[in-house]
Amino acid sequence: MPAHVQTQQLARTLLAYGVSGEIVCSVDGFTVVVDDERQLEIAGAVVAKYFPGQGRVVHRSI
């Protein structure tokens, strides 16, 4: 699947779960950057369920 299509699917899925943040793409996968702990937990669960092994989620303060 092309990277831009996967990024769009990730963005739509995160928004559906109420997560806002930034998606940073690289050759190693993607990183979702969120602002608070609740979104960190939700985004982590979404990535693990729908995009396993393809990216990570971090808190902006890290």
PDB file of N, CA and C in Angstrom:
ATOM      1  N   MET A   1       0.856  -1.171   0.000  1.00  0.00           N
ATOM      2  CA  MET A   1       0.000   0.000   0.000  1.00  0.00           C
ATOM      3  C   MET A   1       0.906   1.240   0.000  1.00  0.00           C
ATOM      4  N   PRO A   2       0.621   2.222  -0.862  1.00  0.00           N
ATOM      5  CA  PRO A   2       1.431   3.445  -0.889  1.00  0.00           C
ATOM      6  C   PRO A   2       1.413   4.163   0.460  1.00  0.00           C
ATOM      7  N   ALA A   3       2.538   4.782   0.790  1.00  0.00           N
ATOM      8  CA  ALA A   3       2.688   5.433   2.098  1.00  0.00           C
ATOM      9  C   ALA A   3       1.657   6.527   2.323  1.00  0.00           C
ATOM     10  N   HIS A   4       1.340   7.305   1.278  1.00  0.00           N
ATOM     11  CA  HIS A   4       0.380   8.401   1.480  1.00  0.00           C
ATOM     12  C   HIS A   4      -1.026   7.872   1.769  1.00  0.00           C
ATOM     13  N   VAL A   5      -1.373   6.738   1.187  1.00  0.00           N
ATOM     14  CA  VAL A   5      -2.683   6.136   1.454  1.00  0.00           C
ATOM     15  C   VAL A   5      -2.724   5.608   2.887  1.00  0.00           C
ATOM     16  N   GLN A   6      -1.658   4.965   3.317  1.00  0.00           N
ATOM     17  CA  GLN A   6      -1.587   4.456   4.682  1.00  0.00           C
ATOM     18  C   GLN A   6      -1.646   5.614   5.687  1.00  0.00           C
ATOM     19  N   THR A   7      -0.968   6.708   5.394  1.00  0.00           N
ATOM     20  CA  THR A   7      -0.984   7.870   6.286  1.00  0.00           C
ATOM     21  C   THR A   7      -2.386   8.457   6.377  1.00  0.00           C
ATOM     22  N   GLN A   8      -3.094   8.516   5.260  1.00  0.00           N
ATOM     23  CA  GLN A   8      -4.473   9.013   5.272  1.00  0.00           C
ATOM     24  C   GLN A   8      -5.366   8.097   6.108  1.00  0.00           C
ATOM     25  N   GLN A   9      -5.198   6.796   5.958  1.00  0.00           N
ATOM     26  CA  GLN A   9      -5.996   5.852   6.747  1.00  0.00           C
ATOM     27  C   GLN A   9      -5.694   5.994   8.235  1.00  0.00           C
ATOM     28  N   LEU A  10      -4.429   6.164   8.569  1.00  0.00           N
ATOM     29  CA  LEU A  10      -4.043   6.360   9.961  1.00  0.00           C
ATOM     30  C   LEU A  10      -4.670   7.634  10.510  1.00  0.00           C
ATOM     31  N   ALA A  11      -4.593   8.718   9.759  1.00  0.00           N
ATOM     32  CA  ALA A  11      -5.163   9.992  10.207  1.00  0.00           C
ATOM     33  C   ALA A  11      -6.669   9.871  10.422  1.00  0.00           C
ATOM     34  N   ARG A  12      -7.355   9.250   9.492  1.00  0.00           N
ATOM     35  CA  ARG A  12      -8.810   9.077   9.627  1.00  0.00           C
ATOM     36  C   ARG A  12      -9.162   8.212  10.835  1.00  0.00           C
ATOM     37  N   THR A  13      -8.401   7.160  11.038  1.00  0.00           N
ATOM     38  CA  THR A  13      -8.665   6.267  12.167  1.00  0.00           C
ATOM     39  C   THR A  13      -8.432   6.986  13.490  1.00  0.00           C
ATOM     40  N   LEU A  14      -7.338   7.725  13.595  1.00  0.00           N
ATOM     41  CA  LEU A  14      -7.057   8.467  14.825  1.00  0.00           C
ATOM     42  C   LEU A  14      -8.131   9.509  15.093  1.00  0.00           C
ATOM     43  N   LEU A  15      -8.554  10.221  14.061  1.00  0.00           N
ATOM     44  CA  LEU A  15      -9.610  11.225  14.238  1.00  0.00           C
ATOM     45  C   LEU A  15     -10.918  10.580  14.684  1.00  0.00           C
ATOM     46  N   ALA A  16     -11.216   9.402  14.148  1.00  0.00           N
ATOM     47  CA  ALA A  16     -12.441   8.699  14.542  1.00  0.00           C
ATOM     48  C   ALA A  16     -12.425   8.348  16.032  1.00  0.00           C
ATOM     49  N   TYR A  17     -11.242   8.149  16.586  1.00  0.00           N
ATOM     50  CA  TYR A  17     -11.105   7.848  18.011  1.00  0.00           C
ATOM     51  C   TYR A  17     -10.879   9.109  18.850  1.00  0.00           C
ATOM     52  N   GLY A  18     -10.942  10.274  18.225  1.00  0.00           N
ATOM     53  CA  GLY A  18     -10.809  11.525  18.959  1.00  0.00           C
ATOM     54  C   GLY A  18      -9.387  11.945  19.257  1.00  0.00           C
ATOM     55  N   VAL A  19      -8.442  11.407  18.516  1.00  0.00           N
ATOM     56  CA  VAL A  19      -7.034  11.742  18.737  1.00  0.00           C
ATOM     57  C   VAL A  19      -6.608  12.807  17.732  1.00  0.00           C
ATOM     58  N   SER A  20      -5.998  13.863  18.239  1.00  0.00           N
ATOM     59  CA  SER A  20      -5.413  14.869  17.355  1.00  0.00           C
ATOM     60  C   SER A  20      -3.924  14.928  17.656  1.00  0.00           C
ATOM     61  N   GLY A  21      -3.155  15.170  16.648  1.00  0.00           N
ATOM     62  CA  GLY A  21      -1.710  15.226  16.816  1.00  0.00           C
ATOM     63  C   GLY A  21      -1.053  15.327  15.463  1.00  0.00           C
ATOM     64  N   GLU A  22       0.205  15.003  15.417  1.00  0.00           N
ATOM     65  CA  GLU A  22       0.963  15.058  14.172  1.00  0.00           C
ATOM     66  C   GLU A  22       1.405  13.652  13.796  1.00  0.00           C
ATOM     67  N   ILE A  23       1.461  13.403  12.497  1.00  0.00           N
ATOM     68  CA  ILE A  23       1.994  12.146  11.987  1.00  0.00           C
ATOM     69  C   ILE A  23       3.269  12.492  11.233  1.00  0.00           C
ATOM     70  N   VAL A  24       4.369  11.906  11.663  1.00  0.00           N
ATOM     71  CA  VAL A  24       5.658  12.131  11.020  1.00  0.00           C
ATOM     72  C   VAL A  24       6.056  10.829  10.344  1.00  0.00           C
ATOM     73  N   CYS A  25       6.297  10.885   9.040  1.00  0.00           N
ATOM     74  CA  CYS A  25       6.648   9.684   8.282  1.00  0.00           C
ATOM     75  C   CYS A  25       8.150   9.634   8.030  1.00  0.00           C
ATOM     76  N   SER A  26       8.696   8.425   8.056  1.00  0.00           N
ATOM     77  CA  SER A  26      10.107   8.221   7.743  1.00  0.00           C
ATOM     78  C   SER A  26      10.254   6.860   7.075  1.00  0.00           C
ATOM     79  N   VAL A  27      11.470   6.524   6.703  1.00  0.00           N
ATOM     80  CA  VAL A  27      11.690   5.230   6.056  1.00  0.00           C
ATOM     81  C   VAL A  27      11.458   4.073   7.023  1.00  0.00           C
ATOM     82  N   ASP A  28      11.540   4.340   8.325  1.00  0.00           N
ATOM     83  CA  ASP A  28      11.333   3.305   9.340  1.00  0.00           C
ATOM     84  C   ASP A  28       9.872   3.107   9.707  1.00  0.00           C
ATOM     85  N   GLY A  29       8.989   3.938   9.192  1.00  0.00           N
ATOM     86  CA  GLY A  29       7.573   3.880   9.550  1.00  0.00           C
ATOM     87  C   GLY A  29       7.086   5.267   9.900  1.00  0.00           C
ATOM     88  N   PHE A  30       6.151   5.339  10.813  1.00  0.00           N
ATOM     89  CA  PHE A  30       5.613   6.639  11.185  1.00  0.00           C
ATOM     90  C   PHE A  30       5.682   6.820  12.691  1.00  0.00           C
ATOM     91  N   THR A  31       5.610   8.083  13.097  1.00  0.00           N
ATOM     92  CA  THR A  31       5.534   8.437  14.505  1.00  0.00           C
ATOM     93  C   THR A  31       4.334   9.345  14.679  1.00  0.00           C
ATOM     94  N   VAL A  32       3.479   9.020  15.628  1.00  0.00           N
ATOM     95  CA  VAL A  32       2.342   9.869  15.970  1.00  0.00           C
ATOM     96  C   VAL A  32       2.741  10.646  17.219  1.00  0.00           C
ATOM     97  N   VAL A  33       2.659  11.979  17.134  1.00  0.00           N
ATOM     98  CA  VAL A  33       3.024  12.848  18.252  1.00  0.00           C
ATOM     99  C   VAL A  33       1.743  13.456  18.810  1.00  0.00           C
ATOM    100  N   VAL A  34       1.471  13.212  20.103  1.00  0.00           N
ATOM    101  CA  VAL A  34       0.248  13.709  20.741  1.00  0.00           C
ATOM    102  C   VAL A  34       0.606  14.616  21.916  1.00  0.00           C
ATOM    103  N   ASP A  35      -0.406  15.361  22.397  1.00  0.00           N
ATOM    104  CA  ASP A  35      -0.172  16.363  23.436  1.00  0.00           C
ATOM    105  C   ASP A  35      -0.498  15.931  24.854  1.00  0.00           C
ATOM    106  N   ASP A  36      -1.327  14.915  25.042  1.00  0.00           N
ATOM    107  CA  ASP A  36      -1.682  14.555  26.415  1.00  0.00           C
ATOM    108  C   ASP A  36      -1.694  13.041  26.617  1.00  0.00           C
ATOM    109  N   GLU A  37      -1.702  12.657  27.885  1.00  0.00           N
ATOM    110  CA  GLU A  37      -1.600  11.241  28.254  1.00  0.00           C
ATOM    111  C   GLU A  37      -2.771  10.406  27.746  1.00  0.00           C
ATOM    112  N   ARG A  38      -3.966  10.959  27.798  1.00  0.00           N
ATOM    113  CA  ARG A  38      -5.146  10.211  27.337  1.00  0.00           C
ATOM    114  C   ARG A  38      -5.022   9.894  25.852  1.00  0.00           C
ATOM    115  N   GLN A  39      -4.637  10.887  25.063  1.00  0.00           N
ATOM    116  CA  GLN A  39      -4.471  10.647  23.630  1.00  0.00           C
ATOM    117  C   GLN A  39      -3.309   9.694  23.363  1.00  0.00           C
ATOM    118  N   LEU A  40      -2.304   9.728  24.213  1.00  0.00           N
ATOM    119  CA  LEU A  40      -1.181   8.806  24.074  1.00  0.00           C
ATOM    120  C   LEU A  40      -1.657   7.359  24.214  1.00  0.00           C
ATOM    121  N   GLU A  41      -2.489   7.106  25.203  1.00  0.00           N
ATOM    122  CA  GLU A  41      -3.024   5.758  25.417  1.00  0.00           C
ATOM    123  C   GLU A  41      -3.912   5.318  24.260  1.00  0.00           C
ATOM    124  N   ILE A  42      -4.805   6.199  23.827  1.00  0.00           N
ATOM    125  CA  ILE A  42      -5.728   5.857  22.738  1.00  0.00           C
ATOM    126  C   ILE A  42      -4.962   5.625  21.443  1.00  0.00           C
ATOM    127  N   ALA A  43      -4.061   6.543  21.105  1.00  0.00           N
ATOM    128  CA  ALA A  43      -3.292   6.414  19.868  1.00  0.00           C
ATOM    129  C   ALA A  43      -2.440   5.149  19.890  1.00  0.00           C
ATOM    130  N   GLY A  44      -1.866   4.825  21.036  1.00  0.00           N
ATOM    131  CA  GLY A  44      -1.076   3.598  21.150  1.00  0.00           C
ATOM    132  C   GLY A  44      -1.907   2.359  20.871  1.00  0.00           C
ATOM    133  N   ALA A  45      -3.122   2.341  21.397  1.00  0.00           N
ATOM    134  CA  ALA A  45      -4.017   1.204  21.163  1.00  0.00           C
ATOM    135  C   ALA A  45      -4.438   1.122  19.697  1.00  0.00           C
ATOM    136  N   VAL A  46      -4.720   2.266  19.086  1.00  0.00           N
ATOM    137  CA  VAL A  46      -5.121   2.298  17.670  1.00  0.00           C
ATOM    138  C   VAL A  46      -3.988   1.794  16.788  1.00  0.00           C
ATOM    139  N   VAL A  47      -2.782   2.290  17.018  1.00  0.00           N
ATOM    140  CA  VAL A  47      -1.636   1.868  16.208  1.00  0.00           C
ATOM    141  C   VAL A  47      -1.373   0.372  16.395  1.00  0.00           C
ATOM    142  N   ALA A  48      -1.446  -0.104  17.624  1.00  0.00           N
ATOM    143  CA  ALA A  48      -1.209  -1.531  17.883  1.00  0.00           C
ATOM    144  C   ALA A  48      -2.254  -2.414  17.206  1.00  0.00           C
ATOM    145  N   LYS A  49      -3.498  -1.959  17.185  1.00  0.00           N
ATOM    146  CA  LYS A  49      -4.576  -2.773  16.615  1.00  0.00           C
ATOM    147  C   LYS A  49      -4.612  -2.721  15.092  1.00  0.00           C
ATOM    148  N   TYR A  50      -4.549  -1.521  14.519  1.00  0.00           N
ATOM    149  CA  TYR A  50      -4.757  -1.362  13.079  1.00  0.00           C
ATOM    150  C   TYR A  50      -3.474  -1.253  12.256  1.00  0.00           C
ATOM    151  N   PHE A  51      -2.366  -0.889  12.892  1.00  0.00           N
ATOM    152  CA  PHE A  51      -1.104  -0.697  12.173  1.00  0.00           C
ATOM    153  C   PHE A  51       0.053  -1.340  12.951  1.00  0.00           C
ATOM    154  N   PRO A  52      -0.061  -2.619  13.295  1.00  0.00           N
ATOM    155  CA  PRO A  52       0.949  -3.248  14.152  1.00  0.00           C
ATOM    156  C   PRO A  52       2.343  -3.268  13.511  1.00  0.00           C
ATOM    157  N   GLY A  53       3.329  -2.880  14.311  1.00  0.00           N
ATOM    158  CA  GLY A  53       4.712  -2.917  13.853  1.00  0.00           C
ATOM    159  C   GLY A  53       5.092  -1.876  12.830  1.00  0.00           C
ATOM    160  N   GLN A  54       4.197  -0.942  12.544  1.00  0.00           N
ATOM    161  CA  GLN A  54       4.465   0.027  11.485  1.00  0.00           C
ATOM    162  C   GLN A  54       4.815   1.417  11.998  1.00  0.00           C
ATOM    163  N   GLY A  55       4.673   1.637  13.299  1.00  0.00           N
ATOM    164  CA  GLY A  55       4.961   2.969  13.813  1.00  0.00           C
ATOM    165  C   GLY A  55       4.954   2.996  15.318  1.00  0.00           C
ATOM    166  N   ARG A  56       5.090   4.206  15.844  1.00  0.00           N
ATOM    167  CA  ARG A  56       5.095   4.376  17.290  1.00  0.00           C
ATOM    168  C   ARG A  56       4.363   5.648  17.653  1.00  0.00           C
ATOM    169  N   VAL A  57       4.060   5.789  18.938  1.00  0.00           N
ATOM    170  CA  VAL A  57       3.336   6.952  19.442  1.00  0.00           C
ATOM    171  C   VAL A  57       4.168   7.558  20.563  1.00  0.00           C
ATOM    172  N   VAL A  58       4.347   8.873  20.528  1.00  0.00           N
ATOM    173  CA  VAL A  58       5.110   9.558  21.569  1.00  0.00           C
ATOM    174  C   VAL A  58       4.345  10.780  22.057  1.00  0.00           C
ATOM    175  N   HIS A  59       4.663  11.185  23.276  1.00  0.00           N
ATOM    176  CA  HIS A  59       4.100  12.404  23.864  1.00  0.00           C
ATOM    177  C   HIS A  59       5.007  13.559  23.454  1.00  0.00           C
ATOM    178  N   ARG A  60       4.425  14.686  23.141  1.00  0.00           N
ATOM    179  CA  ARG A  60       5.182  15.836  22.662  1.00  0.00           C
ATOM    180  C   ARG A  60       6.294  16.252  23.631  1.00  0.00           C
ATOM    181  N   SER A  61       6.099  16.058  24.919  1.00  0.00           N
ATOM    182  CA  SER A  61       7.085  16.505  25.901  1.00  0.00           C
ATOM    183  C   SER A  61       8.363  15.668  25.903  1.00  0.00           C
ATOM    184  N   ILE A  62       8.338  14.502  25.258  1.00  0.00           N
ATOM    185  CA  ILE A  62       9.517  13.613  25.252  1.00  0.00           C
ATOM    186  C   ILE A  62      10.531  14.090  24.232  1.00  0.00           C
TER     187      ILE A  62
END
